[in-house]
Amino acid sequence: MDFDSIFNDLFSAMKNEFKEDAPKIKDQLQYILENNKAMIEKITNKLVSGKITPEQYKKLLKRNMRKIEDQMSTVNVMKKKAIQDAINAGIDVMMKAIKII
């Protein structure tokens, strides 16, 4: 599994949700995601190795993406709806990448 490629797709999907604000927040979003990459990769590897079920994965992924949402909420230029859309886009990318949906 090429996690770096999946993570790039995750970043692109989330960044796309901010459209006109993307240039202003791109660096901050990338910084936040890079700081959380290991955690996302760890739970993804647990799913791939069969240590957790797809349902457990989705629950863990949502919980951890909410942590990212909290971190993103501190960025003043972002609106709550855009953050939620970005988080949901990130969840969709990860779920599709491992073919759970």
PDB file of N, CA and C in Angstrom:
ATOM      1  N   MET A   1       0.843  -1.177   0.000  1.00  0.00           N
ATOM      2  CA  MET A   1       0.000   0.000   0.000  1.00  0.00           C
ATOM      3  C   MET A   1       0.889   1.242   0.000  1.00  0.00           C
ATOM      4  N   ASP A   2       0.658   2.131  -0.931  1.00  0.00           N
ATOM      5  CA  ASP A   2       1.436   3.361  -1.047  1.00  0.00           C
ATOM      6  C   ASP A   2       0.786   4.448  -0.206  1.00  0.00           C
ATOM      7  N   PHE A   3       1.142   4.477   1.073  1.00  0.00           N
ATOM      8  CA  PHE A   3       0.492   5.400   1.988  1.00  0.00           C
ATOM      9  C   PHE A   3       0.813   6.850   1.647  1.00  0.00           C
ATOM     10  N   ASP A   4       2.005   7.136   1.155  1.00  0.00           N
ATOM     11  CA  ASP A   4       2.344   8.515   0.792  1.00  0.00           C
ATOM     12  C   ASP A   4       1.422   9.031  -0.306  1.00  0.00           C
ATOM     13  N   SER A   5       1.128   8.197  -1.276  1.00  0.00           N
ATOM     14  CA  SER A   5       0.218   8.586  -2.348  1.00  0.00           C
ATOM     15  C   SER A   5      -1.190   8.812  -1.808  1.00  0.00           C
ATOM     16  N   ILE A   6      -1.635   7.920  -0.940  1.00  0.00           N
ATOM     17  CA  ILE A   6      -2.951   8.070  -0.329  1.00  0.00           C
ATOM     18  C   ILE A   6      -3.006   9.361   0.490  1.00  0.00           C
ATOM     19  N   PHE A   7      -1.932   9.631   1.224  1.00  0.00           N
ATOM     20  CA  PHE A   7      -1.895  10.825   2.059  1.00  0.00           C
ATOM     21  C   PHE A   7      -1.912  12.084   1.201  1.00  0.00           C
ATOM     22  N   ASN A   8      -1.244  12.049   0.055  1.00  0.00           N
ATOM     23  CA  ASN A   8      -1.292  13.191  -0.862  1.00  0.00           C
ATOM     24  C   ASN A   8      -2.710  13.399  -1.373  1.00  0.00           C
ATOM     25  N   ASP A   9      -3.428  12.311  -1.656  1.00  0.00           N
ATOM     26  CA  ASP A   9      -4.822  12.415  -2.075  1.00  0.00           C
ATOM     27  C   ASP A   9      -5.673  13.007  -0.946  1.00  0.00           C
ATOM     28  N   LEU A  10      -5.390  12.593   0.277  1.00  0.00           N
ATOM     29  CA  LEU A  10      -6.096  13.111   1.441  1.00  0.00           C
ATOM     30  C   LEU A  10      -5.901  14.619   1.539  1.00  0.00           C
ATOM     31  N   PHE A  11      -4.670  15.059   1.438  1.00  0.00           N
ATOM     32  CA  PHE A  11      -4.361  16.489   1.516  1.00  0.00           C
ATOM     33  C   PHE A  11      -5.055  17.246   0.390  1.00  0.00           C
ATOM     34  N   SER A  12      -5.007  16.723  -0.817  1.00  0.00           N
ATOM     35  CA  SER A  12      -5.633  17.391  -1.958  1.00  0.00           C
ATOM     36  C   SER A  12      -7.141  17.523  -1.785  1.00  0.00           C
ATOM     37  N   ALA A  13      -7.774  16.454  -1.320  1.00  0.00           N
ATOM     38  CA  ALA A  13      -9.224  16.487  -1.119  1.00  0.00           C
ATOM     39  C   ALA A  13      -9.608  17.501  -0.052  1.00  0.00           C
ATOM     40  N   MET A  14      -8.850  17.537   1.019  1.00  0.00           N
ATOM     41  CA  MET A  14      -9.160  18.471   2.097  1.00  0.00           C
ATOM     42  C   MET A  14      -8.896  19.908   1.655  1.00  0.00           C
ATOM     43  N   LYS A  15      -7.773  20.126   0.984  1.00  0.00           N
ATOM     44  CA  LYS A  15      -7.425  21.468   0.519  1.00  0.00           C
ATOM     45  C   LYS A  15      -8.460  21.982  -0.470  1.00  0.00           C
ATOM     46  N   ASN A  16      -8.975  21.110  -1.292  1.00  0.00           N
ATOM     47  CA  ASN A  16      -9.943  21.492  -2.309  1.00  0.00           C
ATOM     48  C   ASN A  16     -11.222  22.068  -1.700  1.00  0.00           C
ATOM     49  N   GLU A  17     -11.540  21.675  -0.486  1.00  0.00           N
ATOM     50  CA  GLU A  17     -12.739  22.165   0.174  1.00  0.00           C
ATOM     51  C   GLU A  17     -12.652  23.645   0.536  1.00  0.00           C
ATOM     52  N   PHE A  18     -11.454  24.196   0.549  1.00  0.00           N
ATOM     53  CA  PHE A  18     -11.273  25.588   0.942  1.00  0.00           C
ATOM     54  C   PHE A  18     -11.211  26.551  -0.248  1.00  0.00           C
ATOM     55  N   LYS A  19     -11.118  26.008  -1.448  1.00  0.00           N
ATOM     56  CA  LYS A  19     -11.110  26.745  -2.706  1.00  0.00           C
ATOM     57  C   LYS A  19     -10.418  28.105  -2.613  1.00  0.00           C
ATOM     58  N   GLU A  20     -11.188  29.191  -2.466  1.00  0.00           N
ATOM     59  CA  GLU A  20     -10.588  30.527  -2.524  1.00  0.00           C
ATOM     60  C   GLU A  20      -9.635  30.821  -1.373  1.00  0.00           C
ATOM     61  N   ASP A  21      -9.801  30.167  -0.251  1.00  0.00           N
ATOM     62  CA  ASP A  21      -8.904  30.390   0.882  1.00  0.00           C
ATOM     63  C   ASP A  21      -7.690  29.464   0.857  1.00  0.00           C
ATOM     64  N   ALA A  22      -7.677  28.521  -0.066  1.00  0.00           N
ATOM     65  CA  ALA A  22      -6.613  27.512  -0.091  1.00  0.00           C
ATOM     66  C   ALA A  22      -5.210  28.093  -0.068  1.00  0.00           C
ATOM     67  N   PRO A  23      -4.915  29.124  -0.870  1.00  0.00           N
ATOM     68  CA  PRO A  23      -3.534  29.645  -0.817  1.00  0.00           C
ATOM     69  C   PRO A  23      -3.144  30.160   0.571  1.00  0.00           C
ATOM     70  N   LYS A  24      -4.099  30.715   1.289  1.00  0.00           N
ATOM     71  CA  LYS A  24      -3.815  31.270   2.615  1.00  0.00           C
ATOM     72  C   LYS A  24      -3.576  30.178   3.659  1.00  0.00           C
ATOM     73  N   ILE A  25      -4.252  29.056   3.501  1.00  0.00           N
ATOM     74  CA  ILE A  25      -4.200  28.048   4.563  1.00  0.00           C
ATOM     75  C   ILE A  25      -3.449  26.781   4.178  1.00  0.00           C
ATOM     76  N   LYS A  26      -3.009  26.695   2.934  1.00  0.00           N
ATOM     77  CA  LYS A  26      -2.354  25.482   2.446  1.00  0.00           C
ATOM     78  C   LYS A  26      -1.209  25.042   3.360  1.00  0.00           C
ATOM     79  N   ASP A  27      -0.339  25.963   3.697  1.00  0.00           N
ATOM     80  CA  ASP A  27       0.812  25.598   4.524  1.00  0.00           C
ATOM     81  C   ASP A  27       0.389  25.131   5.909  1.00  0.00           C
ATOM     82  N   GLN A  28      -0.586  25.804   6.497  1.00  0.00           N
ATOM     83  CA  GLN A  28      -1.059  25.408   7.826  1.00  0.00           C
ATOM     84  C   GLN A  28      -1.720  24.038   7.777  1.00  0.00           C
ATOM     85  N   LEU A  29      -2.554  23.810   6.765  1.00  0.00           N
ATOM     86  CA  LEU A  29      -3.218  22.516   6.622  1.00  0.00           C
ATOM     87  C   LEU A  29      -2.194  21.407   6.423  1.00  0.00           C
ATOM     88  N   GLN A  30      -1.210  21.657   5.580  1.00  0.00           N
ATOM     89  CA  GLN A  30      -0.187  20.646   5.334  1.00  0.00           C
ATOM     90  C   GLN A  30       0.598  20.356   6.619  1.00  0.00           C
ATOM     91  N   TYR A  31       0.910  21.376   7.379  1.00  0.00           N
ATOM     92  CA  TYR A  31       1.627  21.209   8.644  1.00  0.00           C
ATOM     93  C   TYR A  31       0.815  20.341   9.612  1.00  0.00           C
ATOM     94  N   ILE A  32      -0.469  20.639   9.739  1.00  0.00           N
ATOM     95  CA  ILE A  32      -1.334  19.873  10.640  1.00  0.00           C
ATOM     96  C   ILE A  32      -1.422  18.417  10.190  1.00  0.00           C
ATOM     97  N   LEU A  33      -1.614  18.199   8.901  1.00  0.00           N
ATOM     98  CA  LEU A  33      -1.726  16.827   8.404  1.00  0.00           C
ATOM     99  C   LEU A  33      -0.422  16.061   8.559  1.00  0.00           C
ATOM    100  N   GLU A  34       0.690  16.706   8.273  1.00  0.00           N
ATOM    101  CA  GLU A  34       1.990  16.035   8.435  1.00  0.00           C
ATOM    102  C   GLU A  34       2.201  15.624   9.887  1.00  0.00           C
ATOM    103  N   ASN A  35       1.760  16.468  10.820  1.00  0.00           N
ATOM    104  CA  ASN A  35       1.905  16.138  12.238  1.00  0.00           C
ATOM    105  C   ASN A  35       1.027  14.974  12.664  1.00  0.00           C
ATOM    106  N   ASN A  36       0.007  14.664  11.879  1.00  0.00           N
ATOM    107  CA  ASN A  36      -0.919  13.587  12.210  1.00  0.00           C
ATOM    108  C   ASN A  36      -0.783  12.379  11.274  1.00  0.00           C
ATOM    109  N   LYS A  37       0.129  12.449  10.342  1.00  0.00           N
ATOM    110  CA  LYS A  37       0.284  11.396   9.338  1.00  0.00           C
ATOM    111  C   LYS A  37       0.585  10.037   9.966  1.00  0.00           C
ATOM    112  N   ALA A  38       1.479  10.000  10.925  1.00  0.00           N
ATOM    113  CA  ALA A  38       1.867   8.728  11.547  1.00  0.00           C
ATOM    114  C   ALA A  38       0.670   8.053  12.222  1.00  0.00           C
ATOM    115  N   MET A  39      -0.173   8.852  12.861  1.00  0.00           N
ATOM    116  CA  MET A  39      -1.344   8.301  13.535  1.00  0.00           C
ATOM    117  C   MET A  39      -2.312   7.695  12.524  1.00  0.00           C
ATOM    118  N   ILE A  40      -2.547   8.388  11.425  1.00  0.00           N
ATOM    119  CA  ILE A  40      -3.453   7.885  10.397  1.00  0.00           C
ATOM    120  C   ILE A  40      -2.869   6.629   9.755  1.00  0.00           C
ATOM    121  N   GLU A  41      -1.579   6.658   9.492  1.00  0.00           N
ATOM    122  CA  GLU A  41      -0.922   5.490   8.898  1.00  0.00           C
ATOM    123  C   GLU A  41      -0.994   4.287   9.848  1.00  0.00           C
ATOM    124  N   LYS A  42      -0.833   4.520  11.136  1.00  0.00           N
ATOM    125  CA  LYS A  42      -0.867   3.435  12.121  1.00  0.00           C
ATOM    126  C   LYS A  42      -2.223   2.727  12.129  1.00  0.00           C
ATOM    127  N   ILE A  43      -3.308   3.496  12.157  1.00  0.00           N
ATOM    128  CA  ILE A  43      -4.610   2.833  12.193  1.00  0.00           C
ATOM    129  C   ILE A  43      -4.940   2.189  10.851  1.00  0.00           C
ATOM    130  N   THR A  44      -4.444   2.778   9.763  1.00  0.00           N
ATOM    131  CA  THR A  44      -4.649   2.176   8.441  1.00  0.00           C
ATOM    132  C   THR A  44      -3.917   0.843   8.357  1.00  0.00           C
ATOM    133  N   ASN A  45      -2.706   0.791   8.863  1.00  0.00           N
ATOM    134  CA  ASN A  45      -1.946  -0.460   8.870  1.00  0.00           C
ATOM    135  C   ASN A  45      -2.617  -1.524   9.734  1.00  0.00           C
ATOM    136  N   LYS A  46      -3.257  -1.105  10.826  1.00  0.00           N
ATOM    137  CA  LYS A  46      -3.988  -2.062  11.662  1.00  0.00           C
ATOM    138  C   LYS A  46      -5.131  -2.696  10.874  1.00  0.00           C
ATOM    139  N   LEU A  47      -5.804  -1.884  10.078  1.00  0.00           N
ATOM    140  CA  LEU A  47      -6.893  -2.416   9.264  1.00  0.00           C
ATOM    141  C   LEU A  47      -6.345  -3.370   8.211  1.00  0.00           C
ATOM    142  N   VAL A  48      -5.324  -2.945   7.497  1.00  0.00           N
ATOM    143  CA  VAL A  48      -4.749  -3.752   6.418  1.00  0.00           C
ATOM    144  C   VAL A  48      -4.225  -5.084   6.945  1.00  0.00           C
ATOM    145  N   SER A  49      -3.667  -5.068   8.156  1.00  0.00           N
ATOM    146  CA  SER A  49      -3.124  -6.300   8.740  1.00  0.00           C
ATOM    147  C   SER A  49      -4.197  -7.170   9.401  1.00  0.00           C
ATOM    148  N   GLY A  50      -5.429  -6.696   9.426  1.00  0.00           N
ATOM    149  CA  GLY A  50      -6.514  -7.476   9.998  1.00  0.00           C
ATOM    150  C   GLY A  50      -6.659  -7.364  11.500  1.00  0.00           C
ATOM    151  N   LYS A  51      -5.936  -6.449  12.119  1.00  0.00           N
ATOM    152  CA  LYS A  51      -6.012  -6.289  13.579  1.00  0.00           C
ATOM    153  C   LYS A  51      -7.290  -5.589  14.025  1.00  0.00           C
ATOM    154  N   ILE A  52      -7.900  -4.823  13.114  1.00  0.00           N
ATOM    155  CA  ILE A  52      -9.174  -4.177  13.413  1.00  0.00           C
ATOM    156  C   ILE A  52     -10.114  -4.363  12.227  1.00  0.00           C
ATOM    157  N   THR A  53     -11.403  -4.252  12.494  1.00  0.00           N
ATOM    158  CA  THR A  53     -12.409  -4.407  11.449  1.00  0.00           C
ATOM    159  C   THR A  53     -12.606  -3.073  10.718  1.00  0.00           C
ATOM    160  N   PRO A  54     -13.235  -3.113   9.538  1.00  0.00           N
ATOM    161  CA  PRO A  54     -13.538  -1.856   8.850  1.00  0.00           C
ATOM    162  C   PRO A  54     -14.380  -0.900   9.706  1.00  0.00           C
ATOM    163  N   GLU A  55     -15.290  -1.436  10.486  1.00  0.00           N
ATOM    164  CA  GLU A  55     -16.110  -0.592  11.353  1.00  0.00           C
ATOM    165  C   GLU A  55     -15.263   0.076  12.435  1.00  0.00           C
ATOM    166  N   GLN A  56     -14.348  -0.687  13.019  1.00  0.00           N
ATOM    167  CA  GLN A  56     -13.442  -0.116  14.017  1.00  0.00           C
ATOM    168  C   GLN A  56     -12.549   0.942  13.380  1.00  0.00           C
ATOM    169  N   TYR A  57     -12.082   0.657  12.166  1.00  0.00           N
ATOM    170  CA  TYR A  57     -11.234   1.607  11.449  1.00  0.00           C
ATOM    171  C   TYR A  57     -11.969   2.927  11.233  1.00  0.00           C
ATOM    172  N   LYS A  58     -13.185   2.837  10.743  1.00  0.00           N
ATOM    173  CA  LYS A  58     -13.943   4.051  10.467  1.00  0.00           C
ATOM    174  C   LYS A  58     -14.151   4.856  11.748  1.00  0.00           C
ATOM    175  N   LYS A  59     -14.434   4.180  12.843  1.00  0.00           N
ATOM    176  CA  LYS A  59     -14.620   4.860  14.123  1.00  0.00           C
ATOM    177  C   LYS A  59     -13.319   5.545  14.573  1.00  0.00           C
ATOM    178  N   LEU A  60     -12.202   4.825  14.492  1.00  0.00           N
ATOM    179  CA  LEU A  60     -10.905   5.405  14.863  1.00  0.00           C
ATOM    180  C   LEU A  60     -10.526   6.549  13.942  1.00  0.00           C
ATOM    181  N   LEU A  61     -10.773   6.368  12.642  1.00  0.00           N
ATOM    182  CA  LEU A  61     -10.435   7.409  11.681  1.00  0.00           C
ATOM    183  C   LEU A  61     -11.240   8.679  11.965  1.00  0.00           C
ATOM    184  N   LYS A  62     -12.517   8.521  12.203  1.00  0.00           N
ATOM    185  CA  LYS A  62     -13.347   9.690  12.510  1.00  0.00           C
ATOM    186  C   LYS A  62     -12.867  10.377  13.783  1.00  0.00           C
ATOM    187  N   ARG A  63     -12.567   9.597  14.806  1.00  0.00           N
ATOM    188  CA  ARG A  63     -12.089  10.176  16.066  1.00  0.00           C
ATOM    189  C   ARG A  63     -10.795  10.961  15.849  1.00  0.00           C
ATOM    190  N   ASN A  64      -9.870  10.380  15.101  1.00  0.00           N
ATOM    191  CA  ASN A  64      -8.600  11.046  14.876  1.00  0.00           C
ATOM    192  C   ASN A  64      -8.739  12.233  13.925  1.00  0.00           C
ATOM    193  N   MET A  65      -9.638  12.140  12.972  1.00  0.00           N
ATOM    194  CA  MET A  65      -9.857  13.280  12.083  1.00  0.00           C
ATOM    195  C   MET A  65     -10.511  14.431  12.849  1.00  0.00           C
ATOM    196  N   ARG A  66     -11.279  14.122  13.867  1.00  0.00           N
ATOM    197  CA  ARG A  66     -11.855  15.187  14.707  1.00  0.00           C
ATOM    198  C   ARG A  66     -10.753  15.900  15.488  1.00  0.00           C
ATOM    199  N   LYS A  67      -9.709  15.179  15.863  1.00  0.00           N
ATOM    200  CA  LYS A  67      -8.557  15.822  16.505  1.00  0.00           C
ATOM    201  C   LYS A  67      -7.910  16.806  15.541  1.00  0.00           C
ATOM    202  N   ILE A  68      -7.808  16.393  14.281  1.00  0.00           N
ATOM    203  CA  ILE A  68      -7.265  17.296  13.260  1.00  0.00           C
ATOM    204  C   ILE A  68      -8.192  18.498  13.103  1.00  0.00           C
ATOM    205  N   GLU A  69      -9.481  18.246  13.134  1.00  0.00           N
ATOM    206  CA  GLU A  69     -10.454  19.340  13.040  1.00  0.00           C
ATOM    207  C   GLU A  69     -10.237  20.352  14.162  1.00  0.00           C
ATOM    208  N   ASP A  70     -10.009  19.856  15.375  1.00  0.00           N
ATOM    209  CA  ASP A  70      -9.753  20.757  16.502  1.00  0.00           C
ATOM    210  C   ASP A  70      -8.515  21.601  16.252  1.00  0.00           C
ATOM    211  N   GLN A  71      -7.475  20.997  15.707  1.00  0.00           N
ATOM    212  CA  GLN A  71      -6.254  21.731  15.415  1.00  0.00           C
ATOM    213  C   GLN A  71      -6.501  22.772  14.319  1.00  0.00           C
ATOM    214  N   MET A  72      -7.279  22.383  13.324  1.00  0.00           N
ATOM    215  CA  MET A  72      -7.570  23.299  12.226  1.00  0.00           C
ATOM    216  C   MET A  72      -8.464  24.451  12.684  1.00  0.00           C
ATOM    217  N   SER A  73      -9.270  24.227  13.689  1.00  0.00           N
ATOM    218  CA  SER A  73     -10.177  25.259  14.181  1.00  0.00           C
ATOM    219  C   SER A  73      -9.431  26.454  14.757  1.00  0.00           C
ATOM    220  N   THR A  74      -8.192  26.271  15.087  1.00  0.00           N
ATOM    221  CA  THR A  74      -7.414  27.369  15.643  1.00  0.00           C
ATOM    222  C   THR A  74      -6.935  28.340  14.569  1.00  0.00           C
ATOM    223  N   VAL A  75      -7.051  27.970  13.319  1.00  0.00           N
ATOM    224  CA  VAL A  75      -6.626  28.840  12.229  1.00  0.00           C
ATOM    225  C   VAL A  75      -7.767  29.827  11.955  1.00  0.00           C
ATOM    226  N   ASN A  76      -7.508  31.107  12.163  1.00  0.00           N
ATOM    227  CA  ASN A  76      -8.558  32.120  12.096  1.00  0.00           C
ATOM    228  C   ASN A  76      -9.230  32.257  10.744  1.00  0.00           C
ATOM    229  N   VAL A  77      -8.540  31.996   9.650  1.00  0.00           N
ATOM    230  CA  VAL A  77      -9.135  32.226   8.334  1.00  0.00           C
ATOM    231  C   VAL A  77     -10.121  31.146   7.925  1.00  0.00           C
ATOM    232  N   MET A  78     -10.199  30.084   8.677  1.00  0.00           N
ATOM    233  CA  MET A  78     -11.070  28.978   8.305  1.00  0.00           C
ATOM    234  C   MET A  78     -12.435  29.118   8.955  1.00  0.00           C
ATOM    235  N   LYS A  79     -13.447  28.736   8.235  1.00  0.00           N
ATOM    236  CA  LYS A  79     -14.799  28.711   8.759  1.00  0.00           C
ATOM    237  C   LYS A  79     -15.141  27.276   9.149  1.00  0.00           C
ATOM    238  N   LYS A  80     -16.017  27.136  10.129  1.00  0.00           N
ATOM    239  CA  LYS A  80     -16.367  25.817  10.647  1.00  0.00           C
ATOM    240  C   LYS A  80     -16.900  24.892   9.555  1.00  0.00           C
ATOM    241  N   LYS A  81     -17.766  25.364   8.684  1.00  0.00           N
ATOM    242  CA  LYS A  81     -18.336  24.524   7.624  1.00  0.00           C
ATOM    243  C   LYS A  81     -17.240  24.022   6.693  1.00  0.00           C
ATOM    244  N   ALA A  82     -16.323  24.898   6.321  1.00  0.00           N
ATOM    245  CA  ALA A  82     -15.233  24.495   5.433  1.00  0.00           C
ATOM    246  C   ALA A  82     -14.348  23.448   6.095  1.00  0.00           C
ATOM    247  N   ILE A  83     -14.130  23.602   7.384  1.00  0.00           N
ATOM    248  CA  ILE A  83     -13.324  22.623   8.117  1.00  0.00           C
ATOM    249  C   ILE A  83     -14.032  21.272   8.130  1.00  0.00           C
ATOM    250  N   GLN A  84     -15.326  21.275   8.415  1.00  0.00           N
ATOM    251  CA  GLN A  84     -16.078  20.017   8.449  1.00  0.00           C
ATOM    252  C   GLN A  84     -16.091  19.354   7.068  1.00  0.00           C
ATOM    253  N   ASP A  85     -16.262  20.145   6.023  1.00  0.00           N
ATOM    254  CA  ASP A  85     -16.232  19.599   4.665  1.00  0.00           C
ATOM    255  C   ASP A  85     -14.869  18.990   4.355  1.00  0.00           C
ATOM    256  N   ALA A  86     -13.813  19.656   4.801  1.00  0.00           N
ATOM    257  CA  ALA A  86     -12.464  19.145   4.569  1.00  0.00           C
ATOM    258  C   ALA A  86     -12.241  17.837   5.315  1.00  0.00           C
ATOM    259  N   ILE A  87     -12.707  17.772   6.558  1.00  0.00           N
ATOM    260  CA  ILE A  87     -12.569  16.549   7.346  1.00  0.00           C
ATOM    261  C   ILE A  87     -13.332  15.411   6.686  1.00  0.00           C
ATOM    262  N   ASN A  88     -14.554  15.673   6.248  1.00  0.00           N
ATOM    263  CA  ASN A  88     -15.349  14.646   5.584  1.00  0.00           C
ATOM    264  C   ASN A  88     -14.702  14.194   4.283  1.00  0.00           C
ATOM    265  N   ALA A  89     -14.120  15.121   3.548  1.00  0.00           N
ATOM    266  CA  ALA A  89     -13.417  14.758   2.318  1.00  0.00           C
ATOM    267  C   ALA A  89     -12.228  13.859   2.644  1.00  0.00           C
ATOM    268  N   GLY A  90     -11.519  14.173   3.727  1.00  0.00           N
ATOM    269  CA  GLY A  90     -10.395  13.339   4.149  1.00  0.00           C
ATOM    270  C   GLY A  90     -10.826  11.940   4.534  1.00  0.00           C
ATOM    271  N   ILE A  91     -11.926  11.829   5.248  1.00  0.00           N
ATOM    272  CA  ILE A  91     -12.457  10.516   5.622  1.00  0.00           C
ATOM    273  C   ILE A  91     -12.836   9.732   4.372  1.00  0.00           C
ATOM    274  N   ASP A  92     -13.496  10.393   3.418  1.00  0.00           N
ATOM    275  CA  ASP A  92     -13.886   9.732   2.169  1.00  0.00           C
ATOM    276  C   ASP A  92     -12.678   9.196   1.412  1.00  0.00           C
ATOM    277  N   VAL A  93     -11.615   9.998   1.330  1.00  0.00           N
ATOM    278  CA  VAL A  93     -10.400   9.557   0.628  1.00  0.00           C
ATOM    279  C   VAL A  93      -9.826   8.312   1.286  1.00  0.00           C
ATOM    280  N   MET A  94      -9.720   8.317   2.597  1.00  0.00           N
ATOM    281  CA  MET A  94      -9.140   7.174   3.294  1.00  0.00           C
ATOM    282  C   MET A  94     -10.016   5.933   3.151  1.00  0.00           C
ATOM    283  N   MET A  95     -11.312   6.099   3.250  1.00  0.00           N
ATOM    284  CA  MET A  95     -12.204   4.952   3.129  1.00  0.00           C
ATOM    285  C   MET A  95     -12.165   4.369   1.717  1.00  0.00           C
ATOM    286  N   LYS A  96     -12.095   5.216   0.715  1.00  0.00           N
ATOM    287  CA  LYS A  96     -12.010   4.737  -0.658  1.00  0.00           C
ATOM    288  C   LYS A  96     -10.649   4.098  -0.947  1.00  0.00           C
ATOM    289  N   ALA A  97      -9.600   4.664  -0.360  1.00  0.00           N
ATOM    290  CA  ALA A  97      -8.252   4.139  -0.604  1.00  0.00           C
ATOM    291  C   ALA A  97      -8.115   2.707  -0.125  1.00  0.00           C
ATOM    292  N   ILE A  98      -8.817   2.380   0.928  1.00  0.00           N
ATOM    293  CA  ILE A  98      -8.735   1.010   1.443  1.00  0.00           C
ATOM    294  C   ILE A  98      -9.974   0.214   1.079  1.00  0.00           C
ATOM    295  N   LYS A  99     -10.810   0.804   0.222  1.00  0.00           N
ATOM    296  CA  LYS A  99     -11.945   0.133  -0.395  1.00  0.00           C
ATOM    297  C   LYS A  99     -12.956  -0.411   0.609  1.00  0.00           C
ATOM    298  N   ILE A 100     -13.305   0.418   1.596  1.00  0.00           N
ATOM    299  CA  ILE A 100     -14.321   0.033   2.562  1.00  0.00           C
ATOM    300  C   ILE A 100     -15.696   0.488   2.098  1.00  0.00           C
ATOM    301  N   ILE A 101     -15.743   1.611   1.420  1.00  0.00           N
ATOM    302  CA  ILE A 101     -17.034   2.174   1.006  1.00  0.00           C
ATOM    303  C   ILE A 101     -17.640   1.315  -0.089  1.00  0.00           C
TER     304      ILE A 101
END
